Amino acid sequence: MDASLLVQYVVIALAVLLSAWFVAKRQFPGAVRKARLALAVPLVREGRPGWMRRLGKRIAPRVVGGGSSCGGCDGCD
Protein backbone atom coordinates (compact mmCIF):
# COMPACT_ATOMS: atom_id res chain seq x y z
CA MET A 1 0.00 0.00 0.00
CA ASP A 2 1.30 3.40 -0.93
CA ALA A 3 2.05 5.79 1.96
CA SER A 4 -0.11 8.56 0.54
CA LEU A 5 -3.06 6.19 0.22
CA LEU A 6 -2.60 5.12 3.85
CA VAL A 7 -2.57 8.76 4.97
CA GLN A 8 -5.74 9.37 2.97
CA TYR A 9 -7.48 6.43 4.67
CA VAL A 10 -6.41 7.63 8.11
CA VAL A 11 -7.71 11.15 7.44
CA ILE A 12 -11.04 9.81 6.18
CA ALA A 13 -11.36 7.47 9.17
CA LEU A 14 -10.72 10.36 11.57
CA ALA A 15 -13.31 12.51 9.81
CA VAL A 16 -15.90 9.73 10.04
CA LEU A 17 -15.17 9.12 13.73
CA LEU A 18 -15.38 12.82 14.58
CA SER A 19 -18.65 13.25 12.72
CA ALA A 20 -20.12 10.16 14.40
CA TRP A 21 -19.07 11.51 17.82
CA PHE A 22 -20.67 14.90 17.04
CA VAL A 23 -23.95 13.27 15.96
CA ALA A 24 -23.97 11.01 19.04
CA LYS A 25 -23.41 14.00 21.35
CA ARG A 26 -26.22 15.97 19.70
CA GLN A 27 -28.79 13.20 19.31
CA PHE A 28 -28.08 11.02 22.36
CA PRO A 29 -26.60 13.20 25.13
CA GLY A 30 -27.78 10.92 27.95
CA ALA A 31 -26.27 7.80 26.40
CA VAL A 32 -22.98 9.57 25.71
CA ARG A 33 -22.87 10.83 29.31
CA LYS A 34 -23.50 7.31 30.66
CA ALA A 35 -20.84 5.83 28.37
CA ARG A 36 -18.27 8.44 29.44
CA LEU A 37 -19.10 7.76 33.08
CA ALA A 38 -18.80 3.99 32.60
CA LEU A 39 -15.38 4.46 30.99
CA ALA A 40 -14.11 6.93 33.60
CA VAL A 41 -15.14 5.26 36.87
CA PRO A 42 -12.72 2.28 36.67
CA LEU A 43 -9.86 4.62 35.75
CA VAL A 44 -10.17 6.95 38.77
CA ARG A 45 -10.28 4.27 41.48
CA GLU A 46 -7.75 4.23 44.29
CA GLY A 47 -4.53 2.41 43.52
CA ARG A 48 -4.45 3.35 39.84
CA PRO A 49 -1.36 5.09 38.44
CA GLY A 50 -1.45 8.87 38.20
CA TRP A 51 -1.62 8.98 34.42
CA MET A 52 -4.62 6.64 34.44
CA ARG A 53 -6.45 8.75 37.04
CA ARG A 54 -5.80 11.92 35.00
CA LEU A 55 -7.16 10.21 31.89
CA GLY A 56 -10.26 9.11 33.79
CA LYS A 57 -10.87 12.64 35.07
CA ARG A 58 -10.53 13.97 31.53
CA ILE A 59 -13.00 11.40 30.16
CA ALA A 60 -15.55 11.89 32.96
CA PRO A 61 -18.49 14.16 32.16
CA ARG A 62 -18.74 17.49 33.93
CA VAL A 63 -20.80 17.69 37.08
CA VAL A 64 -24.09 19.39 36.34
CA GLY A 65 -25.19 21.74 39.10
CA GLY A 66 -28.91 21.89 39.74
CA GLY A 67 -29.30 25.62 40.38
CA SER A 68 -32.66 27.16 41.25
CA SER A 69 -33.05 28.60 37.77
CA CYS A 70 -32.10 25.32 36.09
CA GLY A 71 -34.92 23.52 34.35
CA GLY A 72 -32.98 20.29 34.18
CA CYS A 73 -32.70 20.13 30.40
CA ASP A 74 -28.91 19.55 30.60
CA GLY A 75 -28.43 21.95 27.68
CA CYS A 76 -25.92 24.15 29.51
CA ASP A 77 -22.40 23.89 28.09
PDB file of N, CA and C in Angstrom:
ATOM      1  N   MET A   1       0.844  -1.166   0.000  1.00  0.00           N
ATOM      2  CA  MET A   1       0.000   0.000   0.000  1.00  0.00           C
ATOM      3  C   MET A   1       0.894   1.234   0.000  1.00  0.00           C
ATOM      4  N   ASP A   2       0.560   2.164  -0.810  1.00  0.00           N
ATOM      5  CA  ASP A   2       1.304   3.397  -0.933  1.00  0.00           C
ATOM      6  C   ASP A   2       1.096   4.247   0.323  1.00  0.00           C
ATOM      7  N   ALA A   3       2.125   4.983   0.725  1.00  0.00           N
ATOM      8  CA  ALA A   3       2.053   5.785   1.956  1.00  0.00           C
ATOM      9  C   ALA A   3       1.000   6.883   1.853  1.00  0.00           C
ATOM     10  N   SER A   4       0.879   7.493   0.687  1.00  0.00           N
ATOM     11  CA  SER A   4      -0.112   8.562   0.542  1.00  0.00           C
ATOM     12  C   SER A   4      -1.540   8.017   0.620  1.00  0.00           C
ATOM     13  N   LEU A   5      -1.749   6.805   0.126  1.00  0.00           N
ATOM     14  CA  LEU A   5      -3.064   6.186   0.221  1.00  0.00           C
ATOM     15  C   LEU A   5      -3.393   5.854   1.678  1.00  0.00           C
ATOM     16  N   LEU A   6      -2.408   5.402   2.433  1.00  0.00           N
ATOM     17  CA  LEU A   6      -2.596   5.115   3.849  1.00  0.00           C
ATOM     18  C   LEU A   6      -2.957   6.388   4.618  1.00  0.00           C
ATOM     19  N   VAL A   7      -2.266   7.479   4.330  1.00  0.00           N
ATOM     20  CA  VAL A   7      -2.573   8.762   4.973  1.00  0.00           C
ATOM     21  C   VAL A   7      -3.990   9.194   4.636  1.00  0.00           C
ATOM     22  N   GLN A   8      -4.385   9.008   3.392  1.00  0.00           N
ATOM     23  CA  GLN A   8      -5.737   9.366   2.971  1.00  0.00           C
ATOM     24  C   GLN A   8      -6.773   8.546   3.745  1.00  0.00           C
ATOM     25  N   TYR A   9      -6.554   7.277   3.906  1.00  0.00           N
ATOM     26  CA  TYR A   9      -7.477   6.427   4.666  1.00  0.00           C
ATOM     27  C   TYR A   9      -7.559   6.849   6.135  1.00  0.00           C
ATOM     28  N   VAL A  10      -6.418   7.199   6.711  1.00  0.00           N
ATOM     29  CA  VAL A  10      -6.405   7.632   8.108  1.00  0.00           C
ATOM     30  C   VAL A  10      -7.173   8.933   8.273  1.00  0.00           C
ATOM     31  N   VAL A  11      -6.993   9.866   7.369  1.00  0.00           N
ATOM     32  CA  VAL A  11      -7.706  11.145   7.444  1.00  0.00           C
ATOM     33  C   VAL A  11      -9.206  10.928   7.293  1.00  0.00           C
ATOM     34  N   ILE A  12      -9.616  10.088   6.374  1.00  0.00           N
ATOM     35  CA  ILE A  12     -11.039   9.810   6.182  1.00  0.00           C
ATOM     36  C   ILE A  12     -11.617   9.108   7.404  1.00  0.00           C
ATOM     37  N   ALA A  13     -10.881   8.162   7.973  1.00  0.00           N
ATOM     38  CA  ALA A  13     -11.356   7.471   9.172  1.00  0.00           C
ATOM     39  C   ALA A  13     -11.521   8.439  10.333  1.00  0.00           C
ATOM     40  N   LEU A  14     -10.591   9.364  10.511  1.00  0.00           N
ATOM     41  CA  LEU A  14     -10.716  10.364  11.569  1.00  0.00           C
ATOM     42  C   LEU A  14     -11.923  11.272  11.351  1.00  0.00           C
ATOM     43  N   ALA A  15     -12.153  11.661  10.100  1.00  0.00           N
ATOM     44  CA  ALA A  15     -13.313  12.510   9.807  1.00  0.00           C
ATOM     45  C   ALA A  15     -14.614  11.782  10.101  1.00  0.00           C
ATOM     46  N   VAL A  16     -14.691  10.516   9.768  1.00  0.00           N
ATOM     47  CA  VAL A  16     -15.900   9.734  10.035  1.00  0.00           C
ATOM     48  C   VAL A  16     -16.111   9.564  11.540  1.00  0.00           C
ATOM     49  N   LEU A  17     -15.050   9.275  12.278  1.00  0.00           N
ATOM     50  CA  LEU A  17     -15.165   9.116  13.731  1.00  0.00           C
ATOM     51  C   LEU A  17     -15.582  10.419  14.411  1.00  0.00           C
ATOM     52  N   LEU A  18     -15.006  11.529  13.993  1.00  0.00           N
ATOM     53  CA  LEU A  18     -15.380  12.815  14.577  1.00  0.00           C
ATOM     54  C   LEU A  18     -16.823  13.179  14.272  1.00  0.00           C
ATOM     55  N   SER A  19     -17.263  12.931  13.064  1.00  0.00           N
ATOM     56  CA  SER A  19     -18.650  13.253  12.724  1.00  0.00           C
ATOM     57  C   SER A  19     -19.623  12.328  13.464  1.00  0.00           C
ATOM     58  N   ALA A  20     -19.261  11.067  13.644  1.00  0.00           N
ATOM     59  CA  ALA A  20     -20.119  10.156  14.402  1.00  0.00           C
ATOM     60  C   ALA A  20     -20.195  10.582  15.869  1.00  0.00           C
ATOM     61  N   TRP A  21     -19.069  11.037  16.442  1.00  0.00           N
ATOM     62  CA  TRP A  21     -19.066  11.512  17.820  1.00  0.00           C
ATOM     63  C   TRP A  21     -19.947  12.760  17.956  1.00  0.00           C
ATOM     64  N   PHE A  22     -19.860  13.678  17.002  1.00  0.00           N
ATOM     65  CA  PHE A  22     -20.672  14.896  17.041  1.00  0.00           C
ATOM     66  C   PHE A  22     -22.158  14.559  16.971  1.00  0.00           C
ATOM     67  N   VAL A  23     -22.544  13.660  16.089  1.00  0.00           N
ATOM     68  CA  VAL A  23     -23.951  13.267  15.963  1.00  0.00           C
ATOM     69  C   VAL A  23     -24.418  12.564  17.240  1.00  0.00           C
ATOM     70  N   ALA A  24     -23.598  11.713  17.806  1.00  0.00           N
ATOM     71  CA  ALA A  24     -23.974  11.014  19.038  1.00  0.00           C
ATOM     72  C   ALA A  24     -24.169  12.005  20.180  1.00  0.00           C
ATOM     73  N   LYS A  25     -23.270  13.007  20.295  1.00  0.00           N
ATOM     74  CA  LYS A  25     -23.414  14.001  21.353  1.00  0.00           C
ATOM     75  C   LYS A  25     -24.680  14.824  21.185  1.00  0.00           C
ATOM     76  N   ARG A  26     -25.046  15.138  19.953  1.00  0.00           N
ATOM     77  CA  ARG A  26     -26.222  15.974  19.699  1.00  0.00           C
ATOM     78  C   ARG A  26     -27.523  15.187  19.824  1.00  0.00           C
ATOM     79  N   GLN A  27     -27.555  13.967  19.346  1.00  0.00           N
ATOM     80  CA  GLN A  27     -28.789  13.203  19.311  1.00  0.00           C
ATOM     81  C   GLN A  27     -29.028  12.364  20.558  1.00  0.00           C
ATOM     82  N   PHE A  28     -27.957  11.911  21.211  1.00  0.00           N
ATOM     83  CA  PHE A  28     -28.084  11.017  22.363  1.00  0.00           C
ATOM     84  C   PHE A  28     -27.209  11.498  23.514  1.00  0.00           C
ATOM     85  N   PRO A  29     -27.488  12.676  24.083  1.00  0.00           N
ATOM     86  CA  PRO A  29     -26.601  13.200  25.131  1.00  0.00           C
ATOM     87  C   PRO A  29     -26.605  12.347  26.396  1.00  0.00           C
ATOM     88  N   GLY A  30     -27.721  11.758  26.749  1.00  0.00           N
ATOM     89  CA  GLY A  30     -27.782  10.918  27.947  1.00  0.00           C
ATOM     90  C   GLY A  30     -26.954   9.656  27.793  1.00  0.00           C
ATOM     91  N   ALA A  31     -27.040   9.032  26.644  1.00  0.00           N
ATOM     92  CA  ALA A  31     -26.273   7.803  26.397  1.00  0.00           C
ATOM     93  C   ALA A  31     -24.772   8.088  26.354  1.00  0.00           C
ATOM     94  N   VAL A  32     -24.398   9.212  25.766  1.00  0.00           N
ATOM     95  CA  VAL A  32     -22.976   9.574  25.707  1.00  0.00           C
ATOM     96  C   VAL A  32     -22.461   9.857  27.113  1.00  0.00           C
ATOM     97  N   ARG A  33     -23.268  10.529  27.928  1.00  0.00           N
ATOM     98  CA  ARG A  33     -22.872  10.825  29.309  1.00  0.00           C
ATOM     99  C   ARG A  33     -22.686   9.531  30.100  1.00  0.00           C
ATOM    100  N   LYS A  34     -23.614   8.586  29.951  1.00  0.00           N
ATOM    101  CA  LYS A  34     -23.501   7.309  30.660  1.00  0.00           C
ATOM    102  C   LYS A  34     -22.283   6.520  30.195  1.00  0.00           C
ATOM    103  N   ALA A  35     -21.994   6.553  28.899  1.00  0.00           N
ATOM    104  CA  ALA A  35     -20.837   5.831  28.374  1.00  0.00           C
ATOM    105  C   ALA A  35     -19.535   6.442  28.891  1.00  0.00           C
ATOM    106  N   ARG A  36     -19.461   7.780  28.917  1.00  0.00           N
ATOM    107  CA  ARG A  36     -18.266   8.437  29.438  1.00  0.00           C
ATOM    108  C   ARG A  36     -18.073   8.113  30.911  1.00  0.00           C
ATOM    109  N   LEU A  37     -19.166   8.086  31.664  1.00  0.00           N
ATOM    110  CA  LEU A  37     -19.096   7.758  33.082  1.00  0.00           C
ATOM    111  C   LEU A  37     -18.651   6.315  33.282  1.00  0.00           C
ATOM    112  N   ALA A  38     -19.185   5.403  32.481  1.00  0.00           N
ATOM    113  CA  ALA A  38     -18.801   3.990  32.595  1.00  0.00           C
ATOM    114  C   ALA A  38     -17.327   3.782  32.244  1.00  0.00           C
ATOM    115  N   LEU A  39     -16.794   4.571  31.334  1.00  0.00           N
ATOM    116  CA  LEU A  39     -15.376   4.462  30.993  1.00  0.00           C
ATOM    117  C   LEU A  39     -14.480   5.101  32.049  1.00  0.00           C
ATOM    118  N   ALA A  40     -14.950   6.173  32.682  1.00  0.00           N
ATOM    119  CA  ALA A  40     -14.110   6.934  33.595  1.00  0.00           C
ATOM    120  C   ALA A  40     -14.030   6.332  34.995  1.00  0.00           C
ATOM    121  N   VAL A  41     -15.108   5.743  35.484  1.00  0.00           N
ATOM    122  CA  VAL A  41     -15.136   5.260  36.874  1.00  0.00           C
ATOM    123  C   VAL A  41     -14.030   4.243  37.168  1.00  0.00           C
ATOM    124  N   PRO A  42     -13.810   3.233  36.343  1.00  0.00           N
ATOM    125  CA  PRO A  42     -12.723   2.284  36.670  1.00  0.00           C
ATOM    126  C   PRO A  42     -11.331   2.922  36.635  1.00  0.00           C
ATOM    127  N   LEU A  43     -11.171   4.007  35.881  1.00  0.00           N
ATOM    128  CA  LEU A  43      -9.856   4.625  35.753  1.00  0.00           C
ATOM    129  C   LEU A  43      -9.487   5.499  36.947  1.00  0.00           C
ATOM    130  N   VAL A  44     -10.476   6.028  37.673  1.00  0.00           N
ATOM    131  CA  VAL A  44     -10.169   6.949  38.768  1.00  0.00           C
ATOM    132  C   VAL A  44     -10.183   6.277  40.141  1.00  0.00           C
ATOM    133  N   ARG A  45     -10.266   4.985  40.199  1.00  0.00           N
ATOM    134  CA  ARG A  45     -10.284   4.274  41.481  1.00  0.00           C
ATOM    135  C   ARG A  45      -8.936   4.378  42.177  1.00  0.00           C
ATOM    136  N   GLU A  46      -8.984   4.204  43.489  1.00  0.00           N
ATOM    137  CA  GLU A  46      -7.754   4.230  44.293  1.00  0.00           C
ATOM    138  C   GLU A  46      -6.814   3.111  43.837  1.00  0.00           C
ATOM    139  N   GLY A  47      -5.537   3.399  43.886  1.00  0.00           N
ATOM    140  CA  GLY A  47      -4.533   2.410  43.523  1.00  0.00           C
ATOM    141  C   GLY A  47      -4.148   2.429  42.052  1.00  0.00           C
ATOM    142  N   ARG A  48      -4.821   3.236  41.258  1.00  0.00           N
ATOM    143  CA  ARG A  48      -4.452   3.350  39.841  1.00  0.00           C
ATOM    144  C   ARG A  48      -3.285   4.314  39.701  1.00  0.00           C
ATOM    145  N   PRO A  49      -2.469   4.145  38.669  1.00  0.00           N
ATOM    146  CA  PRO A  49      -1.365   5.089  38.437  1.00  0.00           C
ATOM    147  C   PRO A  49      -1.896   6.496  38.158  1.00  0.00           C
ATOM    148  N   GLY A  50      -1.051   7.477  38.373  1.00  0.00           N
ATOM    149  CA  GLY A  50      -1.445   8.874  38.203  1.00  0.00           C
ATOM    150  C   GLY A  50      -1.916   9.201  36.798  1.00  0.00           C
ATOM    151  N   TRP A  51      -1.234   8.663  35.794  1.00  0.00           N
ATOM    152  CA  TRP A  51      -1.620   8.977  34.422  1.00  0.00           C
ATOM    153  C   TRP A  51      -3.002   8.412  34.103  1.00  0.00           C
ATOM    154  N   MET A  52      -3.324   7.259  34.696  1.00  0.00           N
ATOM    155  CA  MET A  52      -4.621   6.638  34.443  1.00  0.00           C
ATOM    156  C   MET A  52      -5.739   7.436  35.127  1.00  0.00           C
ATOM    157  N   ARG A  53      -5.464   7.935  36.326  1.00  0.00           N
ATOM    158  CA  ARG A  53      -6.449   8.752  37.038  1.00  0.00           C
ATOM    159  C   ARG A  53      -6.705  10.064  36.302  1.00  0.00           C
ATOM    160  N   ARG A  54      -5.642  10.680  35.770  1.00  0.00           N
ATOM    161  CA  ARG A  54      -5.805  11.924  35.000  1.00  0.00           C
ATOM    162  C   ARG A  54      -6.633  11.676  33.741  1.00  0.00           C
ATOM    163  N   LEU A  55      -6.384  10.555  33.083  1.00  0.00           N
ATOM    164  CA  LEU A  55      -7.156  10.207  31.892  1.00  0.00           C
ATOM    165  C   LEU A  55      -8.617   9.998  32.247  1.00  0.00           C
ATOM    166  N   GLY A  56      -8.891   9.328  33.358  1.00  0.00           N
ATOM    167  CA  GLY A  56     -10.262   9.109  33.794  1.00  0.00           C
ATOM    168  C   GLY A  56     -10.974  10.400  34.123  1.00  0.00           C
ATOM    169  N   LYS A  57     -10.270  11.334  34.759  1.00  0.00           N
ATOM    170  CA  LYS A  57     -10.874  12.636  35.068  1.00  0.00           C
ATOM    171  C   LYS A  57     -11.145  13.429  33.802  1.00  0.00           C
ATOM    172  N   ARG A  58     -10.322  13.258  32.804  1.00  0.00           N
ATOM    173  CA  ARG A  58     -10.531  13.967  31.534  1.00  0.00           C
ATOM    174  C   ARG A  58     -11.721  13.379  30.765  1.00  0.00           C
ATOM    175  N   ILE A  59     -11.902  12.070  30.857  1.00  0.00           N
ATOM    176  CA  ILE A  59     -12.997  11.405  30.163  1.00  0.00           C
ATOM    177  C   ILE A  59     -14.330  11.663  30.856  1.00  0.00           C
ATOM    178  N   ALA A  60     -14.312  11.771  32.177  1.00  0.00           N
ATOM    179  CA  ALA A  60     -15.545  11.891  32.958  1.00  0.00           C
ATOM    180  C   ALA A  60     -16.344  13.124  32.544  1.00  0.00           C
ATOM    181  N   PRO A  61     -17.674  12.995  32.500  1.00  0.00           N
ATOM    182  CA  PRO A  61     -18.493  14.156  32.164  1.00  0.00           C
ATOM    183  C   PRO A  61     -18.470  15.173  33.300  1.00  0.00           C
ATOM    184  N   ARG A  62     -18.708  16.433  32.935  1.00  0.00           N
ATOM    185  CA  ARG A  62     -18.738  17.492  33.934  1.00  0.00           C
ATOM    186  C   ARG A  62     -19.913  17.299  34.870  1.00  0.00           C
ATOM    187  N   VAL A  63     -19.733  17.746  36.105  1.00  0.00           N
ATOM    188  CA  VAL A  63     -20.803  17.690  37.081  1.00  0.00           C
ATOM    189  C   VAL A  63     -21.795  18.794  36.752  1.00  0.00           C
ATOM    190  N   VAL A  64     -23.053  18.424  36.665  1.00  0.00           N
ATOM    191  CA  VAL A  64     -24.092  19.393  36.343  1.00  0.00           C
ATOM    192  C   VAL A  64     -24.708  19.863  37.644  1.00  0.00           C
ATOM    193  N   GLY A  65     -24.599  21.166  37.893  1.00  0.00           N
ATOM    194  CA  GLY A  65     -25.189  21.735  39.103  1.00  0.00           C
ATOM    195  C   GLY A  65     -26.661  22.031  38.888  1.00  0.00           C
ATOM    196  N   GLY A  66     -27.469  21.662  39.839  1.00  0.00           N
ATOM    197  CA  GLY A  66     -28.906  21.892  39.739  1.00  0.00           C
ATOM    198  C   GLY A  66     -29.280  23.187  40.424  1.00  0.00           C
ATOM    199  N   GLY A  67     -28.972  24.329  39.809  1.00  0.00           N
ATOM    200  CA  GLY A  67     -29.302  25.624  40.384  1.00  0.00           C
ATOM    201  C   GLY A  67     -30.809  25.849  40.402  1.00  0.00           C
ATOM    202  N   SER A  68     -31.219  26.890  41.121  1.00  0.00           N
ATOM    203  CA  SER A  68     -32.655  27.163  41.251  1.00  0.00           C
ATOM    204  C   SER A  68     -33.286  27.576  39.933  1.00  0.00           C
ATOM    205  N   SER A  69     -32.495  28.177  39.050  1.00  0.00           N
ATOM    206  CA  SER A  69     -33.051  28.600  37.769  1.00  0.00           C
ATOM    207  C   SER A  69     -32.905  27.524  36.692  1.00  0.00           C
ATOM    208  N   CYS A  70     -32.325  26.390  37.063  1.00  0.00           N
ATOM    209  CA  CYS A  70     -32.103  25.322  36.086  1.00  0.00           C
ATOM    210  C   CYS A  70     -33.373  24.521  35.897  1.00  0.00           C
ATOM    211  N   GLY A  71     -33.739  24.324  34.651  1.00  0.00           N
ATOM    212  CA  GLY A  71     -34.924  23.523  34.346  1.00  0.00           C
ATOM    213  C   GLY A  71     -34.618  22.059  34.220  1.00  0.00           C
ATOM    214  N   GLY A  72     -33.352  21.682  34.259  1.00  0.00           N
ATOM    215  CA  GLY A  72     -32.980  20.288  34.180  1.00  0.00           C
ATOM    216  C   GLY A  72     -32.867  19.736  32.777  1.00  0.00           C
ATOM    217  N   CYS A  73     -32.754  20.609  31.782  1.00  0.00           N
ATOM    218  CA  CYS A  73     -32.702  20.126  30.401  1.00  0.00           C
ATOM    219  C   CYS A  73     -31.318  19.627  30.019  1.00  0.00           C
ATOM    220  N   ASP A  74     -30.289  19.941  30.842  1.00  0.00           N
ATOM    221  CA  ASP A  74     -28.915  19.547  30.600  1.00  0.00           C
ATOM    222  C   ASP A  74     -28.393  20.133  29.291  1.00  0.00           C
ATOM    223  N   GLY A  75     -28.891  21.307  28.907  1.00  0.00           N
ATOM    224  CA  GLY A  75     -28.427  21.952  27.684  1.00  0.00           C
ATOM    225  C   GLY A  75     -27.363  22.988  27.936  1.00  0.00           C
ATOM    226  N   CYS A  76     -26.936  23.158  29.178  1.00  0.00           N
ATOM    227  CA  CYS A  76     -25.916  24.154  29.509  1.00  0.00           C
ATOM    228  C   CYS A  76     -24.548  23.594  29.174  1.00  0.00           C
ATOM    229  N   ASP A  77     -23.776  24.310  28.402  1.00  0.00           N
ATOM    230  CA  ASP A  77     -22.404  23.891  28.092  1.00  0.00           C
ATOM    231  C   ASP A  77     -21.446  25.012  28.287  1.00  0.00           C
TER     232      ASP A  77
END
